[in-house]
PDB file of N, CA and C in Angstrom:
ATOM      1  N   MET A   1      -9.275  -2.170  20.264  1.00  0.00           N
ATOM      2  CA  MET A   1      -9.588  -2.921  19.055  1.00  0.00           C
ATOM      3  C   MET A   1      -8.438  -2.769  18.062  1.00  0.00           C
ATOM      4  N   PRO A   2      -8.119  -3.839  17.356  1.00  0.00           N
ATOM      5  CA  PRO A   2      -7.017  -3.774  16.386  1.00  0.00           C
ATOM      6  C   PRO A   2      -7.390  -3.050  15.098  1.00  0.00           C
ATOM      7  N   ILE A   3      -6.357  -2.560  14.442  1.00  0.00           N
ATOM      8  CA  ILE A   3      -6.519  -1.925  13.131  1.00  0.00           C
ATOM      9  C   ILE A   3      -6.084  -2.937  12.081  1.00  0.00           C
ATOM     10  N   TYR A   4      -6.960  -3.231  11.126  1.00  0.00           N
ATOM     11  CA  TYR A   4      -6.642  -4.166  10.045  1.00  0.00           C
ATOM     12  C   TYR A   4      -6.455  -3.384   8.752  1.00  0.00           C
ATOM     13  N   GLU A   5      -5.494  -3.816   7.960  1.00  0.00           N
ATOM     14  CA  GLU A   5      -5.186  -3.155   6.696  1.00  0.00           C
ATOM     15  C   GLU A   5      -5.676  -4.036   5.551  1.00  0.00           C
ATOM     16  N   TYR A   6      -6.336  -3.414   4.577  1.00  0.00           N
ATOM     17  CA  TYR A   6      -6.900  -4.135   3.434  1.00  0.00           C
ATOM     18  C   TYR A   6      -6.416  -3.510   2.134  1.00  0.00           C
ATOM     19  N   TYR A   7      -6.499  -4.303   1.063  1.00  0.00           N
ATOM     20  CA  TYR A   7      -6.125  -3.831  -0.269  1.00  0.00           C
ATOM     21  C   TYR A   7      -7.233  -4.199  -1.247  1.00  0.00           C
ATOM     22  N   CYS A   8      -7.731  -3.207  -1.982  1.00  0.00           N
ATOM     23  CA  CYS A   8      -8.754  -3.431  -2.996  1.00  0.00           C
ATOM     24  C   CYS A   8      -8.063  -3.547  -4.349  1.00  0.00           C
ATOM     25  N   GLU A   9      -8.202  -4.695  -4.988  1.00  0.00           N
ATOM     26  CA  GLU A   9      -7.573  -4.898  -6.300  1.00  0.00           C
ATOM     27  C   GLU A   9      -8.280  -4.095  -7.385  1.00  0.00           C
ATOM     28  N   ASN A  10      -9.560  -3.843  -7.218  1.00  0.00           N
ATOM     29  CA  ASN A  10     -10.318  -3.080  -8.203  1.00  0.00           C
ATOM     30  C   ASN A  10      -9.876  -1.607  -8.217  1.00  0.00           C
ATOM     31  N   CYS A  11      -9.799  -0.976  -7.067  1.00  0.00           N
ATOM     32  CA  CYS A  11      -9.395   0.434  -6.955  1.00  0.00           C
ATOM     33  C   CYS A  11      -7.879   0.591  -6.834  1.00  0.00           C
ATOM     34  N   GLN A  12      -7.201  -0.479  -6.499  1.00  0.00           N
ATOM     35  CA  GLN A  12      -5.761  -0.492  -6.227  1.00  0.00           C
ATOM     36  C   GLN A  12      -5.410   0.493  -5.124  1.00  0.00           C
ATOM     37  N   LYS A  13      -6.175   0.409  -4.022  1.00  0.00           N
ATOM     38  CA  LYS A  13      -5.961   1.274  -2.867  1.00  0.00           C
ATOM     39  C   LYS A  13      -5.858   0.441  -1.605  1.00  0.00           C
ATOM     40  N   LYS A  14      -5.081   0.954  -0.648  1.00  0.00           N
ATOM     41  CA  LYS A  14      -5.021   0.379   0.693  1.00  0.00           C
ATOM     42  C   LYS A  14      -5.934   1.198   1.592  1.00  0.00           C
ATOM     43  N   PHE A  15      -6.551   0.519   2.561  1.00  0.00           N
ATOM     44  CA  PHE A  15      -7.339   1.232   3.558  1.00  0.00           C
ATOM     45  C   PHE A  15      -7.291   0.454   4.860  1.00  0.00           C
ATOM     46  N   GLU A  16      -7.585   1.151   5.962  1.00  0.00           N
ATOM     47  CA  GLU A  16      -7.549   0.541   7.288  1.00  0.00           C
ATOM     48  C   GLU A  16      -8.935   0.539   7.904  1.00  0.00           C
ATOM     49  N   VAL A  17      -9.195  -0.510   8.699  1.00  0.00           N
ATOM     50  CA  VAL A  17     -10.481  -0.644   9.374  1.00  0.00           C
ATOM     51  C   VAL A  17     -10.215  -1.055  10.816  1.00  0.00           C
ATOM     52  N   ILE A  18     -10.902  -0.424  11.758  1.00  0.00           N
ATOM     53  CA  ILE A  18     -10.809  -0.817  13.161  1.00  0.00           C
ATOM     54  C   ILE A  18     -11.998  -1.711  13.457  1.00  0.00           C
ATOM     55  N   LYS A  19     -11.704  -2.951  13.865  1.00  0.00           N
ATOM     56  CA  LYS A  19     -12.784  -3.874  14.212  1.00  0.00           C
ATOM     57  C   LYS A  19     -12.261  -4.994  15.083  1.00  0.00           C
ATOM     58  N   GLY A  20     -13.160  -5.744  15.683  1.00  0.00           N
ATOM     59  CA  GLY A  20     -12.799  -6.825  16.585  1.00  0.00           C
ATOM     60  C   GLY A  20     -12.111  -7.980  15.865  1.00  0.00           C
ATOM     61  N   THR A  21     -11.412  -8.813  16.631  1.00  0.00           N
ATOM     62  CA  THR A  21     -10.672  -9.924  16.038  1.00  0.00           C
ATOM     63  C   THR A  21     -11.591 -10.974  15.420  1.00  0.00           C
ATOM     64  N   ALA A  22     -12.809 -11.092  15.918  1.00  0.00           N
ATOM     65  CA  ALA A  22     -13.752 -12.070  15.357  1.00  0.00           C
ATOM     66  C   ALA A  22     -14.218 -11.663  13.960  1.00  0.00           C
ATOM     67  N   GLU A  23     -14.136 -10.376  13.627  1.00  0.00           N
ATOM     68  CA  GLU A  23     -14.629  -9.864  12.344  1.00  0.00           C
ATOM     69  C   GLU A  23     -13.505  -9.560  11.361  1.00  0.00           C
ATOM     70  N   ARG A  24     -12.326 -10.077  11.576  1.00  0.00           N
ATOM     71  CA  ARG A  24     -11.150  -9.651  10.815  1.00  0.00           C
ATOM     72  C   ARG A  24     -11.042 -10.185   9.398  1.00  0.00           C
ATOM     73  N   GLY A  25     -11.910 -11.030   8.929  1.00  0.00           N
ATOM     74  CA  GLY A  25     -11.851 -11.613   7.588  1.00  0.00           C
ATOM     75  C   GLY A  25     -11.756 -10.574   6.493  1.00  0.00           C
ATOM     76  N   SER A  26     -12.492 -10.722   5.438  1.00  0.00           N
ATOM     77  CA  SER A  26     -12.461  -9.738   4.351  1.00  0.00           C
ATOM     78  C   SER A  26     -13.394  -8.573   4.686  1.00  0.00           C
ATOM     79  N   ASN A  27     -13.210  -7.505   3.969  1.00  0.00           N
ATOM     80  CA  ASN A  27     -13.978  -6.292   4.216  1.00  0.00           C
ATOM     81  C   ASN A  27     -14.284  -5.622   2.885  1.00  0.00           C
ATOM     82  N   PRO A  28     -15.481  -5.052   2.695  1.00  0.00           N
ATOM     83  CA  PRO A  28     -15.765  -4.365   1.435  1.00  0.00           C
ATOM     84  C   PRO A  28     -14.990  -3.051   1.339  1.00  0.00           C
ATOM     85  N   CYS A  29     -14.577  -2.721   0.140  1.00  0.00           N
ATOM     86  CA  CYS A  29     -13.861  -1.467  -0.129  1.00  0.00           C
ATOM     87  C   CYS A  29     -14.812  -0.291   0.098  1.00  0.00           C
ATOM     88  N   PRO A  30     -14.375   0.763   0.779  1.00  0.00           N
ATOM     89  CA  PRO A  30     -15.263   1.911   1.004  1.00  0.00           C
ATOM     90  C   PRO A  30     -15.614   2.671  -0.285  1.00  0.00           C
ATOM     91  N   SER A  31     -14.775   2.548  -1.321  1.00  0.00           N
ATOM     92  CA  SER A  31     -15.030   3.270  -2.577  1.00  0.00           C
ATOM     93  C   SER A  31     -15.946   2.503  -3.521  1.00  0.00           C
ATOM     94  N   CYS A  32     -15.564   1.265  -3.850  1.00  0.00           N
ATOM     95  CA  CYS A  32     -16.314   0.510  -4.873  1.00  0.00           C
ATOM     96  C   CYS A  32     -17.173  -0.614  -4.298  1.00  0.00           C
ATOM     97  N   LYS A  33     -17.079  -0.855  -3.011  1.00  0.00           N
ATOM     98  CA  LYS A  33     -17.855  -1.889  -2.295  1.00  0.00           C
ATOM     99  C   LYS A  33     -17.495  -3.322  -2.694  1.00  0.00           C
ATOM    100  N   GLN A  34     -16.432  -3.509  -3.480  1.00  0.00           N
ATOM    101  CA  GLN A  34     -15.974  -4.853  -3.835  1.00  0.00           C
ATOM    102  C   GLN A  34     -15.188  -5.421  -2.654  1.00  0.00           C
ATOM    103  N   GLU A  35     -15.206  -6.739  -2.518  1.00  0.00           N
ATOM    104  CA  GLU A  35     -14.510  -7.401  -1.416  1.00  0.00           C
ATOM    105  C   GLU A  35     -13.000  -7.148  -1.510  1.00  0.00           C
ATOM    106  N   ALA A  36     -12.402  -6.687  -0.416  1.00  0.00           N
ATOM    107  CA  ALA A  36     -10.965  -6.377  -0.385  1.00  0.00           C
ATOM    108  C   ALA A  36     -10.211  -7.473   0.363  1.00  0.00           C
ATOM    109  N   LYS A  37      -8.947  -7.599   0.065  1.00  0.00           N
ATOM    110  CA  LYS A  37      -8.087  -8.632   0.636  1.00  0.00           C
ATOM    111  C   LYS A  37      -7.343  -8.065   1.849  1.00  0.00           C
ATOM    112  N   ARG A  38      -7.322  -8.834   2.934  1.00  0.00           N
ATOM    113  CA  ARG A  38      -6.620  -8.382   4.130  1.00  0.00           C
ATOM    114  C   ARG A  38      -5.118  -8.502   3.957  1.00  0.00           C
ATOM    115  N   LEU A  39      -4.386  -7.469   4.347  1.00  0.00           N
ATOM    116  CA  LEU A  39      -2.929  -7.473   4.279  1.00  0.00           C
ATOM    117  C   LEU A  39      -2.366  -7.801   5.652  1.00  0.00           C
ATOM    118  N   TYR A  40      -1.232  -8.437   5.671  1.00  0.00           N
ATOM    119  CA  TYR A  40      -0.548  -8.734   6.919  1.00  0.00           C
ATOM    120  C   TYR A  40       0.586  -7.730   7.055  1.00  0.00           C
ATOM    121  N   SER A  41       0.447  -6.832   8.009  1.00  0.00           N
ATOM    122  CA  SER A  41       1.443  -5.783   8.171  1.00  0.00           C
ATOM    123  C   SER A  41       2.165  -5.941   9.501  1.00  0.00           C
ATOM    124  N   THR A  42       3.288  -5.276   9.606  1.00  0.00           N
ATOM    125  CA  THR A  42       4.058  -5.316  10.842  1.00  0.00           C
ATOM    126  C   THR A  42       3.615  -4.186  11.752  1.00  0.00           C
ATOM    127  N   PHE A  43       3.898  -4.313  13.005  1.00  0.00           N
ATOM    128  CA  PHE A  43       3.575  -3.246  13.944  1.00  0.00           C
ATOM    129  C   PHE A  43       4.801  -2.373  14.145  1.00  0.00           C
ATOM    130  N   SER A  44       4.577  -1.185  14.631  1.00  0.00           N
ATOM    131  CA  SER A  44       5.707  -0.294  14.901  1.00  0.00           C
ATOM    132  C   SER A  44       5.714   0.047  16.388  1.00  0.00           C
ATOM    133  N   PHE A  45       6.867   0.383  16.888  1.00  0.00           N
ATOM    134  CA  PHE A  45       6.974   0.762  18.282  1.00  0.00           C
ATOM    135  C   PHE A  45       8.120   1.750  18.432  1.00  0.00           C
ATOM    136  N   TYR A  46       8.124   2.430  19.545  1.00  0.00           N
ATOM    137  CA  TYR A  46       9.177   3.388  19.837  1.00  0.00           C
ATOM    138  C   TYR A  46      10.092   2.764  20.876  1.00  0.00           C
ATOM    139  N   PHE A  47      11.357   2.670  20.571  1.00  0.00           N
ATOM    140  CA  PHE A  47      12.345   2.101  21.482  1.00  0.00           C
ATOM    141  C   PHE A  47      13.119   3.236  22.122  1.00  0.00           C
ATOM    142  N   PHE A  48      13.057   3.337  23.439  1.00  0.00           N
ATOM    143  CA  PHE A  48      13.810   4.366  24.139  1.00  0.00           C
ATOM    144  C   PHE A  48      15.084   3.745  24.687  1.00  0.00           C
ATOM    145  N   ASN A  49      16.200   4.318  24.330  1.00  0.00           N
ATOM    146  CA  ASN A  49      17.498   3.818  24.777  1.00  0.00           C
ATOM    147  C   ASN A  49      18.135   4.852  25.701  1.00  0.00           C
ATOM    148  N   PRO A  50      18.239   4.554  27.002  1.00  0.00           N
ATOM    149  CA  PRO A  50      18.795   5.531  27.937  1.00  0.00           C
ATOM    150  C   PRO A  50      20.297   5.757  27.772  1.00  0.00           C
ATOM    151  N   PHE A  51      20.983   4.963  26.957  1.00  0.00           N
ATOM    152  CA  PHE A  51      22.432   5.071  26.799  1.00  0.00           C
ATOM    153  C   PHE A  51      22.847   6.036  25.689  1.00  0.00           C
ATOM    154  N   THR A  52      21.900   6.567  24.942  1.00  0.00           N
ATOM    155  CA  THR A  52      22.238   7.497  23.874  1.00  0.00           C
ATOM    156  C   THR A  52      21.742   8.892  24.250  1.00  0.00           C
ATOM    157  N   LYS A  53      22.280   9.889  23.620  1.00  0.00           N
ATOM    158  CA  LYS A  53      21.957  11.274  23.961  1.00  0.00           C
ATOM    159  C   LYS A  53      20.482  11.614  23.730  1.00  0.00           C
ATOM    160  N   ASP A  54      19.932  11.212  22.577  1.00  0.00           N
ATOM    161  CA  ASP A  54      18.539  11.538  22.255  1.00  0.00           C
ATOM    162  C   ASP A  54      17.546  10.443  22.632  1.00  0.00           C
ATOM    163  N   GLY A  55      18.042   9.307  23.158  1.00  0.00           N
ATOM    164  CA  GLY A  55      17.145   8.235  23.589  1.00  0.00           C
ATOM    165  C   GLY A  55      16.743   7.275  22.502  1.00  0.00           C
ATOM    166  N   GLU A  56      17.316   7.392  21.300  1.00  0.00           N
ATOM    167  CA  GLU A  56      16.971   6.488  20.216  1.00  0.00           C
ATOM    168  C   GLU A  56      18.164   5.637  19.832  1.00  0.00           C
ATOM    169  N   GLY A  57      17.893   4.501  19.214  1.00  0.00           N
ATOM    170  CA  GLY A  57      18.962   3.646  18.721  1.00  0.00           C
ATOM    171  C   GLY A  57      19.249   2.480  19.641  1.00  0.00           C
ATOM    172  N   PHE A  58      20.161   1.640  19.222  1.00  0.00           N
ATOM    173  CA  PHE A  58      20.514   0.448  19.969  1.00  0.00           C
ATOM    174  C   PHE A  58      21.961   0.537  20.428  1.00  0.00           C
ATOM    175  N   THR A  59      22.265  -0.197  21.469  1.00  0.00           N
ATOM    176  CA  THR A  59      23.618  -0.194  21.996  1.00  0.00           C
ATOM    177  C   THR A  59      23.978  -1.585  22.514  1.00  0.00           C
ATOM    178  N   SER A  60      25.245  -1.834  22.685  1.00  0.00           N
ATOM    179  CA  SER A  60      25.689  -3.119  23.232  1.00  0.00           C
ATOM    180  C   SER A  60      26.189  -2.952  24.661  1.00  0.00           C
ATOM    181  N   LYS A  61      25.983  -1.774  25.246  1.00  0.00           N
ATOM    182  CA  LYS A  61      26.446  -1.494  26.602  1.00  0.00           C
ATOM    183  C   LYS A  61      25.652  -2.339  27.603  1.00  0.00           C
ATOM    184  N   VAL A  62      26.338  -2.932  28.553  1.00  0.00           N
ATOM    185  CA  VAL A  62      25.697  -3.771  29.565  1.00  0.00           C
ATOM    186  C   VAL A  62      25.892  -3.117  30.928  1.00  0.00           C
ATOM    187  N   VAL A  63      24.792  -2.964  31.666  1.00  0.00           N
ATOM    188  CA  VAL A  63      24.865  -2.394  33.016  1.00  0.00           C
ATOM    189  C   VAL A  63      24.079  -3.284  33.966  1.00  0.00           C
ATOM    190  N   SER A  64      24.303  -3.094  35.254  1.00  0.00           N
ATOM    191  CA  SER A  64      23.577  -3.877  36.256  1.00  0.00           C
ATOM    192  C   SER A  64      22.131  -3.395  36.329  1.00  0.00           C
ATOM    193  N   ASN A  65      21.293  -4.204  36.899  1.00  0.00           N
ATOM    194  CA  ASN A  65      19.874  -3.874  37.039  1.00  0.00           C
ATOM    195  C   ASN A  65      19.706  -2.633  37.908  1.00  0.00           C
ATOM    196  N   GLU A  66      20.498  -2.531  38.972  1.00  0.00           N
ATOM    197  CA  GLU A  66      20.417  -1.374  39.863  1.00  0.00           C
ATOM    198  C   GLU A  66      20.824  -0.083  39.142  1.00  0.00           C
ATOM    199  N   LYS A  67      21.885  -0.138  38.346  1.00  0.00           N
ATOM    200  CA  LYS A  67      22.337   1.024  37.579  1.00  0.00           C
ATOM    201  C   LYS A  67      21.263   1.447  36.564  1.00  0.00           C
ATOM    202  N   TYR A  68      20.598   0.455  35.932  1.00  0.00           N
ATOM    203  CA  TYR A  68      19.543   0.723  34.962  1.00  0.00           C
ATOM    204  C   TYR A  68      18.370   1.453  35.633  1.00  0.00           C
ATOM    205  N   LYS A  69      17.974   1.005  36.825  1.00  0.00           N
ATOM    206  CA  LYS A  69      16.887   1.656  37.559  1.00  0.00           C
ATOM    207  C   LYS A  69      17.270   3.091  37.910  1.00  0.00           C
ATOM    208  N   GLU A  70      18.514   3.281  38.306  1.00  0.00           N
ATOM    209  CA  GLU A  70      19.016   4.609  38.650  1.00  0.00           C
ATOM    210  C   GLU A  70      18.963   5.545  37.433  1.00  0.00           C
ATOM    211  N   MET A  71      19.347   5.032  36.282  1.00  0.00           N
ATOM    212  CA  MET A  71      19.309   5.825  35.043  1.00  0.00           C
ATOM    213  C   MET A  71      17.877   6.184  34.678  1.00  0.00           C
ATOM    214  N   ASN A  72      16.954   5.232  34.814  1.00  0.00           N
ATOM    215  CA  ASN A  72      15.540   5.502  34.510  1.00  0.00           C
ATOM    216  C   ASN A  72      14.979   6.583  35.431  1.00  0.00           C
ATOM    217  N   ARG A  73      15.341   6.523  36.722  1.00  0.00           N
ATOM    218  CA  ARG A  73      14.902   7.530  37.676  1.00  0.00           C
ATOM    219  C   ARG A  73      15.385   8.915  37.245  1.00  0.00           C
ATOM    220  N   ALA A  74      16.642   9.008  36.826  1.00  0.00           N
ATOM    221  CA  ALA A  74      17.221  10.279  36.406  1.00  0.00           C
ATOM    222  C   ALA A  74      16.518  10.816  35.151  1.00  0.00           C
ATOM    223  N   ILE A  75      16.164   9.936  34.248  1.00  0.00           N
ATOM    224  CA  ILE A  75      15.477  10.341  33.009  1.00  0.00           C
ATOM    225  C   ILE A  75      14.080  10.869  33.327  1.00  0.00           C
ATOM    226  N   ARG A  76      13.373  10.188  34.220  1.00  0.00           N
ATOM    227  CA  ARG A  76      12.021  10.627  34.578  1.00  0.00           C
ATOM    228  C   ARG A  76      12.011  11.984  35.275  1.00  0.00           C
ATOM    229  N   GLU A  77      13.091  12.299  35.962  1.00  0.00           N
ATOM    230  CA  GLU A  77      13.179  13.572  36.712  1.00  0.00           C
ATOM    231  C   GLU A  77      13.539  14.744  35.823  1.00  0.00           C
ATOM    232  N   ARG A  78      13.908  14.517  34.592  1.00  0.00           N
ATOM    233  CA  ARG A  78      14.282  15.622  33.686  1.00  0.00           C
ATOM    234  C   ARG A  78      13.142  16.536  33.411  1.00  0.00           C
TER     235      ARG A  78
END
């Protein structure tokens, strides 16, 4: 189930609610019970880069598909 983020203008607080996509409209504030406005937020993810020492960051290095599979195998065996 997705996590939706809301903002209550009365309390001036953000809060999150886990609920189905069919119920994603507005939601009452848990503090004051006034209708809160849904915020549109971005998602976050972890990008693993096998070409850097710590596995983070971006690179412009280009390798063949076979070399990439070989590198992934080596990383998994660590």
